[in-house]
Amino acid sequence: MAIDQAMAVAMNGVAAVAAVAAARTLHVSRRGLVPYGPAWDLQKRLAAELVAGTGRDTLLLLEHPPVYTLGRNSLAEHILASPEEIGRRGATVERNDRGGEVTFHGPGQLVAYPVIKLDPEERSISRLVDNLEQAIIDTLGDYGLPGERLPDQRGVWTRNRKIASVGLSVKRWVVMHGMALNVAPDLSYFALINPCGHPETVMTSMEQELGRAPSLAEVGDRFARHLARHFNRCLTIDGQPSADS
């Protein structure tokens, strides 16, 4: 009996090692404050490498200087301010190829771009977005904040206020763009747009809900670990294996 139990333990250990070896790695790259154009160029380069078979799954964690982004089918009328007013606020406007309507990015907001190639069993757009939203919800839960979904909109809410936006592009099963979680941005910038095309949306932040601003780096690390778990990836953060992977 003891020998049988020892063999079972050993076989379970081998299976666990094999499962870890089979799992793909998600490399996390912290980039700090990056203008929108160079960040998009970086995404496109990483995506091209994945398509060519020479790249690796990468999660870019960064902030942007103030910028309003429009998705491929976004309506410019959802930007409520004039170009002059936007310029006075030190912001720019960029159009890209993601889904979704207009949103804002700025300092104090965690922007996460998972540039990953989906395995055949992962090739469901709804599952992809669900996993991304769930990683946000799990991250908020780490700070005691309830994360909520709405049945007719993508993104994450807390206490009936929107705290994170999601917008993706998938080409040849390679993902670009991602999510923006309001940690401690200047929320007044959202007053110049209909967020994601919905004028009734009230935006909030972790700082506003908690009464303090969590560390952006810590929030990013927590989000990365949750995302890796939902996508069954081992995690390396700037070249170092994560203790949780």
Protein backbone atom coordinates (compact mmCIF):
# COMPACT_ATOMS: atom_id res chain seq x y z
CA MET A 1 0.00 0.00 0.00
CA ALA A 2 2.78 2.41 0.93
CA ILE A 3 4.57 1.67 -2.36
CA ASP A 4 1.35 2.24 -4.30
CA GLN A 5 0.81 5.56 -2.55
CA ALA A 6 4.39 6.61 -3.20
CA MET A 7 4.02 5.74 -6.89
CA ALA A 8 0.77 7.71 -7.08
CA VAL A 9 2.42 10.75 -5.50
CA ALA A 10 5.34 10.46 -7.90
CA MET A 11 3.03 10.15 -10.91
CA ASN A 12 1.03 13.17 -9.77
CA GLY A 13 4.28 15.10 -9.44
CA VAL A 14 5.32 14.12 -12.96
CA ALA A 15 1.92 15.15 -14.29
CA ALA A 16 2.18 18.52 -12.55
CA VAL A 17 5.63 19.12 -14.00
CA ALA A 18 4.41 18.11 -17.46
CA ALA A 19 1.44 20.47 -17.18
CA VAL A 20 3.70 23.36 -16.24
CA ALA A 21 6.08 22.51 -19.08
CA ALA A 22 3.19 22.39 -21.56
CA ALA A 23 1.77 25.73 -20.45
CA ARG A 24 2.85 28.71 -22.49
CA THR A 25 4.59 31.66 -20.89
CA LEU A 26 3.17 35.17 -20.69
CA HIS A 27 5.97 37.70 -20.55
CA VAL A 28 5.08 40.91 -18.70
CA SER A 29 6.82 44.06 -19.85
CA ARG A 30 6.42 47.20 -17.73
CA ARG A 31 6.83 50.26 -19.94
CA GLY A 32 6.00 53.26 -17.77
CA LEU A 33 4.58 56.34 -19.50
CA VAL A 34 4.47 55.79 -23.28
CA PRO A 35 2.86 58.00 -25.96
CA TYR A 36 0.02 56.25 -27.74
CA GLY A 37 1.61 56.04 -31.20
CA PRO A 38 4.83 54.28 -30.13
CA ALA A 39 2.83 51.88 -27.93
CA TRP A 40 0.61 50.91 -30.86
CA ASP A 41 3.66 50.46 -33.09
CA LEU A 42 5.15 48.15 -30.46
CA GLN A 43 1.96 46.10 -30.34
CA LYS A 44 1.98 45.72 -34.10
CA ARG A 45 5.61 44.60 -34.09
CA LEU A 46 5.00 42.03 -31.36
CA ALA A 47 1.89 40.77 -33.17
CA ALA A 48 3.80 40.39 -36.45
CA GLU A 49 6.44 38.34 -34.64
CA LEU A 50 3.77 36.03 -33.23
CA VAL A 51 2.24 35.53 -36.67
CA ALA A 52 5.69 34.76 -38.07
CA GLY A 53 6.34 32.24 -35.29
CA THR A 54 9.28 34.18 -33.87
CA GLY A 55 7.55 36.04 -31.03
CA ARG A 56 6.21 35.32 -27.58
CA ASP A 57 3.01 36.16 -25.75
CA THR A 58 3.54 39.55 -24.12
CA LEU A 59 1.51 41.64 -21.71
CA LEU A 60 2.42 45.32 -21.95
CA LEU A 61 1.66 47.29 -18.78
CA LEU A 62 1.89 51.05 -19.16
CA GLU A 63 0.34 54.48 -18.90
CA HIS A 64 -0.35 56.97 -21.68
CA PRO A 65 -0.13 60.75 -21.70
CA PRO A 66 -3.67 62.17 -22.08
CA VAL A 67 -5.23 60.75 -25.25
CA TYR A 68 -8.70 59.98 -26.58
CA THR A 69 -8.84 56.87 -28.75
CA LEU A 70 -11.48 55.97 -31.29
CA GLY A 71 -12.04 52.38 -32.39
CA ARG A 72 -12.38 51.33 -36.02
CA ASN A 73 -16.15 52.02 -36.07
CA SER A 74 -16.28 54.74 -33.41
CA LEU A 75 -18.36 57.83 -34.04
CA ALA A 76 -16.43 61.08 -33.71
CA GLU A 77 -19.61 62.75 -32.41
CA HIS A 78 -19.03 61.02 -29.07
CA ILE A 79 -16.16 63.44 -28.53
CA LEU A 80 -18.04 66.38 -27.04
CA ALA A 81 -15.21 68.91 -26.90
CA SER A 82 -13.70 70.94 -29.72
CA PRO A 83 -10.16 70.20 -30.93
CA GLU A 84 -9.13 73.48 -29.28
CA GLU A 85 -10.51 72.42 -25.90
CA ILE A 86 -8.84 69.02 -26.17
CA GLY A 87 -5.57 70.76 -27.02
CA ARG A 88 -5.91 73.07 -24.04
CA ARG A 89 -6.23 70.01 -21.82
CA GLY A 90 -2.97 68.69 -23.26
CA ALA A 91 -4.66 65.72 -24.90
CA THR A 92 -4.58 64.25 -28.39
CA VAL A 93 -6.99 62.11 -30.43
CA GLU A 94 -6.00 58.81 -32.08
CA ARG A 95 -7.99 56.37 -34.20
CA ASN A 96 -7.07 52.70 -34.16
CA ASP A 97 -8.39 49.29 -35.26
CA ARG A 98 -9.86 48.00 -32.00
CA GLY A 99 -13.51 47.39 -31.29
CA GLY A 100 -15.53 49.71 -29.12
CA GLU A 101 -16.23 53.41 -29.00
CA VAL A 102 -14.26 56.41 -27.76
CA THR A 103 -12.40 56.22 -24.47
CA PHE A 104 -9.75 58.16 -22.56
CA HIS A 105 -6.27 57.14 -21.43
CA GLY A 106 -4.07 59.16 -19.13
CA PRO A 107 -1.58 59.07 -16.26
CA GLY A 108 -2.84 57.13 -13.25
CA GLN A 109 -4.69 54.65 -15.44
CA LEU A 110 -3.37 51.10 -15.84
CA VAL A 111 -3.36 50.19 -19.52
CA ALA A 112 -2.79 46.52 -20.31
CA TYR A 113 -2.19 45.25 -23.83
CA PRO A 114 -2.09 41.43 -24.02
CA VAL A 115 -0.41 40.68 -27.35
CA ILE A 116 -0.99 36.94 -27.40
CA LYS A 117 -1.66 34.19 -29.92
CA LEU A 118 -4.72 32.14 -29.09
CA ASP A 119 -4.43 28.37 -29.15
CA PRO A 120 -7.14 26.52 -31.13
CA GLU A 121 -9.13 25.74 -28.00
CA GLU A 122 -9.02 29.42 -26.98
CA ARG A 123 -10.44 30.81 -30.22
CA SER A 124 -13.65 32.33 -28.95
CA ILE A 125 -13.98 36.11 -28.92
CA SER A 126 -16.62 36.09 -26.19
CA ARG A 127 -14.44 33.84 -24.02
CA LEU A 128 -11.46 36.10 -24.67
CA VAL A 129 -13.32 39.20 -23.47
CA ASP A 130 -14.86 37.30 -20.56
CA ASN A 131 -11.40 36.23 -19.37
CA LEU A 132 -10.07 39.77 -19.66
CA GLU A 133 -13.01 41.18 -17.71
CA GLN A 134 -12.72 38.45 -15.08
CA ALA A 135 -9.05 39.28 -14.52
CA ILE A 136 -10.11 42.90 -13.86
CA ILE A 137 -12.88 41.75 -11.50
CA ASP A 138 -10.43 39.52 -9.62
CA THR A 139 -7.96 42.40 -9.33
CA LEU A 140 -10.62 44.70 -7.90
CA GLY A 141 -11.57 41.93 -5.48
CA ASP A 142 -8.01 41.94 -4.13
CA TYR A 143 -8.76 45.46 -2.87
CA GLY A 144 -12.23 44.69 -1.57
CA LEU A 145 -14.04 46.28 -4.49
CA PRO A 146 -16.96 44.46 -6.15
CA GLY A 147 -16.55 44.06 -9.89
CA GLU A 148 -19.67 43.91 -12.02
CA ARG A 149 -20.64 43.32 -15.65
CA LEU A 150 -23.60 44.76 -17.52
CA PRO A 151 -25.52 42.45 -19.85
CA ASP A 152 -25.47 44.84 -22.80
CA GLN A 153 -22.03 46.48 -22.49
CA ARG A 154 -18.44 45.37 -22.25
CA GLY A 155 -16.15 46.58 -19.48
CA VAL A 156 -16.28 46.41 -15.69
CA TRP A 157 -18.35 48.44 -13.21
CA THR A 158 -18.21 48.83 -9.46
CA ARG A 159 -21.18 50.11 -7.47
CA ASN A 160 -22.92 51.10 -10.74
CA ARG A 161 -20.01 53.21 -11.93
CA LYS A 162 -17.65 52.19 -14.73
CA ILE A 163 -14.08 51.59 -13.65
CA ALA A 164 -12.54 49.72 -16.60
CA SER A 165 -12.93 49.69 -20.38
CA VAL A 166 -12.20 46.85 -22.79
CA GLY A 167 -11.51 47.00 -26.52
CA LEU A 168 -9.72 44.40 -28.64
CA SER A 169 -8.55 43.56 -32.12
CA VAL A 170 -7.98 39.94 -33.19
CA LYS A 171 -6.28 39.16 -36.49
CA ARG A 172 -5.07 35.68 -37.44
CA TRP A 173 -5.93 34.79 -33.82
CA VAL A 174 -3.39 37.26 -32.44
CA VAL A 175 -4.81 39.69 -29.89
CA MET A 176 -3.97 43.38 -29.67
CA HIS A 177 -5.23 46.30 -27.59
CA GLY A 178 -6.82 45.32 -24.29
CA MET A 179 -8.11 47.10 -21.21
CA ALA A 180 -7.79 50.30 -19.19
CA LEU A 181 -8.38 50.22 -15.44
CA ASN A 182 -8.86 53.54 -13.68
CA VAL A 183 -6.52 53.41 -10.70
CA ALA A 184 -6.04 57.14 -10.02
CA PRO A 185 -6.45 59.16 -13.24
CA ASP A 186 -7.90 62.65 -13.57
CA LEU A 187 -11.54 61.68 -14.15
CA SER A 188 -12.46 65.14 -15.42
CA TYR A 189 -11.13 64.17 -18.86
CA PHE A 190 -14.07 61.78 -19.26
CA ALA A 191 -16.45 64.75 -19.18
CA LEU A 192 -15.29 65.65 -22.70
CA ILE A 193 -16.65 62.39 -24.20
CA ASN A 194 -19.52 59.94 -24.07
CA PRO A 195 -17.49 57.08 -22.57
CA CYS A 196 -17.67 54.10 -24.94
CA GLY A 197 -20.56 55.86 -26.66
CA HIS A 198 -22.81 55.94 -23.58
CA PRO A 199 -23.58 59.45 -22.29
CA GLU A 200 -25.27 58.03 -19.18
CA THR A 201 -22.08 56.30 -17.99
CA VAL A 202 -20.54 57.60 -14.78
CA MET A 203 -16.82 56.89 -14.53
CA THR A 204 -14.97 56.14 -11.32
CA SER A 205 -11.54 55.00 -10.16
CA MET A 206 -10.00 52.80 -7.51
CA GLU A 207 -8.81 55.95 -5.76
CA GLN A 208 -12.32 57.38 -5.65
CA GLU A 209 -13.87 54.15 -4.41
CA LEU A 210 -11.18 53.31 -1.85
CA GLY A 211 -10.36 56.80 -0.65
CA ARG A 212 -6.71 56.21 -1.49
CA ALA A 213 -4.65 55.51 -4.58
CA PRO A 214 -3.14 52.01 -4.72
CA SER A 215 0.27 51.56 -6.27
CA LEU A 216 -0.11 51.33 -10.03
CA ALA A 217 2.76 48.81 -10.18
CA GLU A 218 1.12 46.60 -7.58
CA VAL A 219 -2.25 46.72 -9.35
CA GLY A 220 -0.49 45.83 -12.59
CA ASP A 221 1.27 42.84 -11.05
CA ARG A 222 -1.96 41.55 -9.53
CA PHE A 223 -3.79 41.94 -12.82
CA ALA A 224 -1.01 40.12 -14.69
CA ARG A 225 -1.19 37.14 -12.34
CA HIS A 226 -4.97 36.89 -12.67
CA LEU A 227 -4.79 37.20 -16.46
CA ALA A 228 -2.11 34.51 -16.72
CA ARG A 229 -4.25 32.17 -14.63
CA HIS A 230 -7.35 32.69 -16.77
CA PHE A 231 -5.33 32.11 -19.95
CA ASN A 232 -3.44 29.13 -18.51
CA ARG A 233 -0.07 30.82 -18.95
CA CYS A 234 3.02 30.72 -16.79
CA LEU A 235 4.11 34.24 -15.88
CA THR A 236 7.43 36.01 -16.15
CA ILE A 237 7.67 39.65 -15.10
CA ASP A 238 10.46 41.54 -16.84
CA GLY A 239 12.40 38.31 -17.21
CA GLN A 240 11.82 36.97 -13.66
CA PRO A 241 9.44 34.02 -13.07
CA SER A 242 6.48 34.99 -10.93
CA ALA A 243 6.23 33.32 -7.54
CA ASP A 244 2.59 32.53 -8.35
CA SER A 245 3.19 31.01 -11.80
